[in-house]
Amino acid sequence: MAVKMEEQANRGDAGVVQRQSVAWKKPIFWVGETILWVLLIGMALIEIAPITWMFSTSLR
């Protein structure tokens, strides 16, 4: 048993099954990622806009 585990460790797999991800090939992935980026940028603008407005009006 120990020899088999050592052989696997030497090969680099150590019993770990590696799966190829095909999520990037699916069109729904691109739609989901686009929606997430739009939400992220929208949230950033909502957070930064009041601060920008506050500084621009206070310096007049």
Protein backbone atom coordinates (compact mmCIF):
# COMPACT_ATOMS: atom_id res chain seq x y z
CA MET A 1 0.00 0.00 0.00
CA ALA A 2 2.75 2.45 0.95
CA VAL A 3 4.68 1.61 -2.21
CA LYS A 4 1.63 2.26 -4.37
CA MET A 5 1.02 5.65 -2.73
CA GLU A 6 4.68 6.52 -3.16
CA GLU A 7 4.51 5.61 -6.85
CA GLN A 8 1.44 7.79 -7.27
CA ALA A 9 3.15 10.66 -5.47
CA ASN A 10 6.17 10.28 -7.72
CA ARG A 11 3.95 10.44 -10.79
CA GLY A 12 2.33 13.59 -9.44
CA ASP A 13 -1.28 12.47 -9.42
CA ALA A 14 -1.46 11.08 -5.85
CA GLY A 15 -4.91 9.71 -6.55
CA VAL A 16 -6.37 13.10 -7.41
CA VAL A 17 -8.79 13.03 -10.29
CA GLN A 18 -8.39 16.05 -12.50
CA ARG A 19 -11.44 17.11 -14.49
CA GLN A 20 -11.35 19.37 -17.49
CA SER A 21 -13.60 22.37 -16.95
CA VAL A 22 -15.79 23.18 -19.91
CA ALA A 23 -17.68 26.02 -18.21
CA TRP A 24 -15.89 28.64 -20.30
CA LYS A 25 -17.29 27.10 -23.47
CA LYS A 26 -20.91 27.54 -22.48
CA PRO A 27 -22.72 30.71 -23.67
CA ILE A 28 -24.56 30.97 -20.35
CA PHE A 29 -21.17 31.47 -18.71
CA TRP A 30 -20.54 34.58 -20.80
CA VAL A 31 -24.02 35.94 -20.01
CA GLY A 32 -23.53 35.30 -16.31
CA GLU A 33 -20.09 36.87 -16.28
CA THR A 34 -21.37 39.94 -18.15
CA ILE A 35 -24.19 40.38 -15.64
CA LEU A 36 -21.76 40.09 -12.74
CA TRP A 37 -19.39 42.68 -14.25
CA VAL A 38 -22.28 45.10 -14.87
CA LEU A 39 -23.42 44.71 -11.27
CA LEU A 40 -19.87 45.16 -9.99
CA ILE A 41 -19.29 48.35 -11.97
CA GLY A 42 -22.76 49.64 -11.08
CA MET A 43 -22.14 49.09 -7.38
CA ALA A 44 -18.78 50.86 -7.65
CA LEU A 45 -20.41 53.87 -9.31
CA ILE A 46 -23.16 53.99 -6.68
CA GLU A 47 -20.52 53.95 -3.95
CA ILE A 48 -18.15 56.50 -5.53
CA ALA A 49 -20.67 58.97 -7.02
CA PRO A 50 -21.80 60.50 -3.68
CA ILE A 51 -18.20 60.92 -2.53
CA THR A 52 -17.24 62.57 -5.81
CA TRP A 53 -20.28 64.85 -5.61
CA MET A 54 -19.49 65.75 -1.99
CA PHE A 55 -15.92 66.78 -2.80
CA SER A 56 -16.87 68.66 -5.97
CA THR A 57 -19.55 70.73 -4.18
CA SER A 58 -17.45 71.43 -1.09
CA LEU A 59 -14.60 72.95 -3.10
CA ARG A 60 -16.72 75.61 -4.82
